[in-house]
Amino acid sequence: QVQLAESGGGLVQPGGSLRLSCAASGSILIINAMGWYRQAPGKERELVAQIISDGTTDYTDSVKGRFTISRDSAKNTVYLQMNSLKPEDTAVYYCNVDVVTTRFATWNYWGQGTQVTVSS
């Protein structure tokens, strides 16, 4: 009943910037948290950043000072501004949302993933 639409990935040179967007729609009553994960080939999926309902944010150490997560609650949209990108940031980035549905059930949903490639 919940869909996530991701956009904003692409190819960028080291030091460049990208902005990812993820819009949630469907049978949503409450959004508990929204976040971004990434997975590089041969590696485990890892949390990049998340934002909780009270506005608290959390980042993995490798992106602190470079990435910023934000949200537009009215649009059920979360953003990830990525600056000073490095080749090691190359991965598929997945949006994740933890919601209470209109059926009063708590579920976790994943976006389809968007490729971010940082290369010269």
Protein backbone atom coordinates (compact mmCIF):
# COMPACT_ATOMS: atom_id res chain seq x y z
CA GLN A 1 0.00 0.00 0.00
CA VAL A 2 3.06 2.28 0.24
CA GLN A 3 5.28 3.23 -2.65
CA LEU A 4 8.60 5.04 -2.69
CA ALA A 5 9.77 6.94 -5.75
CA GLU A 6 13.50 7.65 -5.84
CA SER A 7 15.35 10.02 -8.13
CA GLY A 8 18.55 12.01 -8.38
CA GLY A 9 21.25 9.43 -8.92
CA GLY A 10 23.80 9.64 -11.67
CA LEU A 11 27.43 9.94 -12.62
CA VAL A 12 29.50 12.67 -11.02
CA GLN A 13 33.20 13.47 -10.76
CA PRO A 14 35.03 13.35 -7.43
CA GLY A 15 34.30 16.48 -5.46
CA GLY A 16 30.96 16.96 -7.14
CA SER A 17 27.47 16.97 -5.70
CA LEU A 18 24.19 15.14 -6.13
CA ARG A 19 20.82 15.48 -4.49
CA LEU A 20 18.66 12.41 -4.02
CA SER A 21 14.92 12.59 -3.51
CA CYS A 22 12.44 10.02 -2.27
CA ALA A 23 8.71 10.61 -2.19
CA ALA A 24 6.45 8.29 -0.23
CA SER A 25 2.84 7.77 -1.16
CA GLY A 26 -0.01 5.44 -0.36
CA SER A 27 -1.78 4.38 2.79
CA ILE A 28 0.36 6.31 5.23
CA LEU A 29 -0.91 7.47 8.56
CA ILE A 30 2.36 8.35 10.26
CA ILE A 31 5.96 8.38 9.10
CA ASN A 32 8.19 7.29 11.97
CA ALA A 33 11.46 7.69 10.12
CA MET A 34 12.93 8.13 6.67
CA GLY A 35 16.43 7.32 5.64
CA TRP A 36 18.97 6.42 3.02
CA TYR A 37 20.99 3.24 2.76
CA ARG A 38 23.58 2.25 0.22
CA GLN A 39 25.08 -0.96 -1.05
CA ALA A 40 28.21 -1.33 -3.11
CA PRO A 41 28.98 -4.54 -5.03
CA GLY A 42 30.17 -7.26 -2.69
CA LYS A 43 29.42 -5.22 0.40
CA GLU A 44 26.64 -5.18 2.94
CA ARG A 45 23.92 -2.60 2.80
CA GLU A 46 24.68 0.17 5.26
CA LEU A 47 22.79 3.07 6.74
CA VAL A 48 23.95 6.38 5.32
CA ALA A 49 21.59 8.79 7.06
CA GLN A 50 18.21 8.86 8.68
CA ILE A 51 15.81 11.39 10.07
CA ILE A 52 13.36 10.55 12.83
CA SER A 53 9.91 12.00 13.38
CA ASP A 54 11.20 14.45 15.98
CA GLY A 55 13.78 15.79 13.52
CA THR A 56 16.77 13.98 14.95
CA THR A 57 19.31 13.00 12.30
CA ASP A 58 21.95 10.31 12.24
CA TYR A 59 24.83 9.78 9.83
CA THR A 60 27.41 7.14 9.28
CA ASP A 61 30.87 8.45 10.11
CA SER A 62 32.16 8.32 6.55
CA VAL A 63 29.66 10.91 5.31
CA LYS A 64 29.53 13.31 8.25
CA GLY A 65 30.26 16.85 7.14
CA ARG A 66 29.56 16.01 3.50
CA PHE A 67 25.99 14.70 3.37
CA THR A 68 22.84 16.30 4.72
CA ILE A 69 19.49 14.61 5.12
CA SER A 70 16.33 16.69 5.19
CA ARG A 71 12.62 16.25 4.73
CA ASP A 72 9.51 17.97 3.51
CA SER A 73 6.84 16.52 5.74
CA ALA A 74 3.98 18.04 3.75
CA LYS A 75 5.17 16.16 0.67
CA ASN A 76 6.28 12.99 2.48
CA THR A 77 9.63 13.47 0.82
CA VAL A 78 13.15 12.95 2.10
CA TYR A 79 16.29 14.36 0.48
CA LEU A 80 19.95 13.54 0.66
CA GLN A 81 22.28 16.32 -0.36
CA MET A 82 25.66 14.79 -1.14
CA ASN A 83 28.65 17.11 -1.43
CA SER A 84 32.36 16.47 -1.85
CA LEU A 85 31.62 13.08 -3.31
CA LYS A 86 34.34 10.45 -3.30
CA PRO A 87 34.76 7.31 -5.40
CA GLU A 88 34.06 5.24 -2.31
CA ASP A 89 30.57 6.74 -2.23
CA THR A 90 29.75 4.78 -5.37
CA ALA A 91 26.82 2.49 -4.62
CA VAL A 92 23.16 1.90 -5.15
CA TYR A 93 21.30 4.16 -2.77
CA TYR A 94 18.02 2.97 -1.33
CA CYS A 95 15.36 5.04 0.31
CA ASN A 96 13.73 3.53 3.37
CA VAL A 97 10.65 4.59 5.28
CA ASP A 98 9.18 3.29 8.50
CA VAL A 99 5.48 4.04 8.62
CA VAL A 100 2.26 3.41 10.41
CA THR A 101 -0.27 2.61 7.72
CA THR A 102 -3.91 3.57 7.68
CA ARG A 103 -4.56 0.02 8.86
CA PHE A 104 -2.54 0.86 11.99
CA ALA A 105 0.28 -1.52 11.19
CA THR A 106 3.93 -0.56 11.33
CA TRP A 107 5.93 -1.52 8.24
CA ASN A 108 9.28 -0.81 6.66
CA TYR A 109 9.38 -0.08 2.93
CA TRP A 110 12.23 0.18 0.45
CA GLY A 111 12.62 2.17 -2.71
CA GLN A 112 13.86 0.59 -5.92
CA GLY A 113 17.35 2.05 -5.57
CA THR A 114 19.19 4.69 -7.55
CA GLN A 115 22.75 4.34 -8.79
CA VAL A 116 25.34 6.87 -7.69
CA THR A 117 28.68 6.63 -9.46
CA VAL A 118 31.61 8.85 -8.52
CA SER A 119 34.38 8.58 -11.06
CA SER A 120 36.80 10.72 -13.01
